[in-house]
Protein backbone atom coordinates (compact mmCIF):
# COMPACT_ATOMS: atom_id res chain seq x y z
CA VAL A 1 -3.86 -4.91 9.37
CA LYS A 2 -0.61 -3.41 8.40
CA VAL A 3 2.81 -4.53 7.80
CA THR A 4 6.12 -2.84 8.36
CA THR A 5 8.77 -3.72 6.15
CA PRO A 6 12.47 -3.39 7.00
CA SER A 7 13.11 -0.19 5.59
CA GLY A 8 9.89 1.33 7.39
CA LYS A 9 7.36 1.50 4.43
CA VAL A 10 4.12 0.54 6.17
CA ILE A 11 1.57 -1.41 3.74
CA SER A 12 -2.61 -1.96 4.61
CA LEU A 13 -3.62 -5.24 4.14
CA HIS A 14 -7.01 -5.05 5.60
CA SER A 15 -8.64 -1.89 6.67
CA ARG A 16 -12.27 -2.30 8.63
CA ALA A 17 -13.90 -4.47 6.45
CA GLY A 18 -15.86 -7.48 7.38
CA GLY A 19 -18.57 -5.76 9.81
CA SER A 20 -19.49 -7.88 12.45
CA THR A 21 -17.89 -10.89 11.28
CA ASP A 22 -15.54 -12.79 13.69
CA ASN A 23 -12.03 -14.10 12.47
CA ILE A 24 -10.05 -13.08 9.60
CA LYS A 25 -8.66 -16.18 7.73
CA LYS A 26 -7.03 -14.29 4.89
CA SER A 27 -4.21 -14.47 2.24
CA TYR A 28 -2.85 -11.14 0.97
CA TYR A 29 -0.78 -10.75 -2.45
CA VAL A 30 1.57 -8.24 -2.41
CA THR A 31 3.67 -7.77 -5.54
CA SER A 32 4.46 -3.93 -6.46
CA SER A 33 5.03 -2.90 -2.62
CA LEU A 34 7.81 -4.98 -2.10
CA LYS A 35 9.99 -4.99 -5.11
CA ASN A 36 12.89 -3.64 -3.53
CA GLU A 37 12.68 -4.81 -0.18
CA LYS A 38 15.51 -6.39 1.62
CA ALA A 39 15.80 -9.35 3.84
CA GLY A 40 15.31 -8.29 7.50
CA LYS A 41 12.83 -7.84 10.32
CA TYR A 42 8.91 -6.92 9.14
CA THR A 43 6.39 -6.51 11.59
CA ILE A 44 2.70 -6.74 11.68
CA LYS A 45 0.07 -4.58 13.79
CA VAL A 46 -3.39 -5.82 13.69
CA GLN A 47 -5.67 -3.71 15.85
CA ASP A 48 -9.77 -4.82 16.50
CA LEU A 49 -11.36 -1.42 16.55
CA ALA A 50 -15.21 -2.73 16.59
CA PHE A 51 -16.73 -1.78 19.63
CA ARG A 52 -17.17 -3.76 22.80
CA ASP A 53 -14.68 -6.46 20.90
CA VAL A 54 -11.75 -8.46 21.49
CA GLY A 55 -9.40 -9.47 19.16
CA THR A 56 -6.47 -11.86 19.26
CA LEU A 57 -3.88 -12.95 16.63
CA ASN A 58 -3.12 -16.47 16.96
CA SER A 59 -0.31 -16.49 13.97
CA TRP A 60 0.89 -14.92 11.13
CA ALA A 61 3.46 -15.95 8.06
CA ILE A 62 5.12 -14.24 5.44
CA GLU A 63 6.09 -15.99 2.14
CA PHE A 64 8.59 -14.56 -0.71
CA LYS A 65 8.09 -16.05 -3.86
CA LYS A 66 10.32 -15.06 -7.14
């Protein structure tokens, strides 16, 4: 699970941890990595790389707090 910021910075949130676990239901807290980012388009890339596995992204959200 990677998020790309409006400036093109890629932040890895999740990387092949979880083994055979189904479903990632988790919040990720990113602080210093986003300090100088401006408003704009954020994109998320999700890959399910497990053998014979199928993945679906049902929803995602981003929240900024001061």
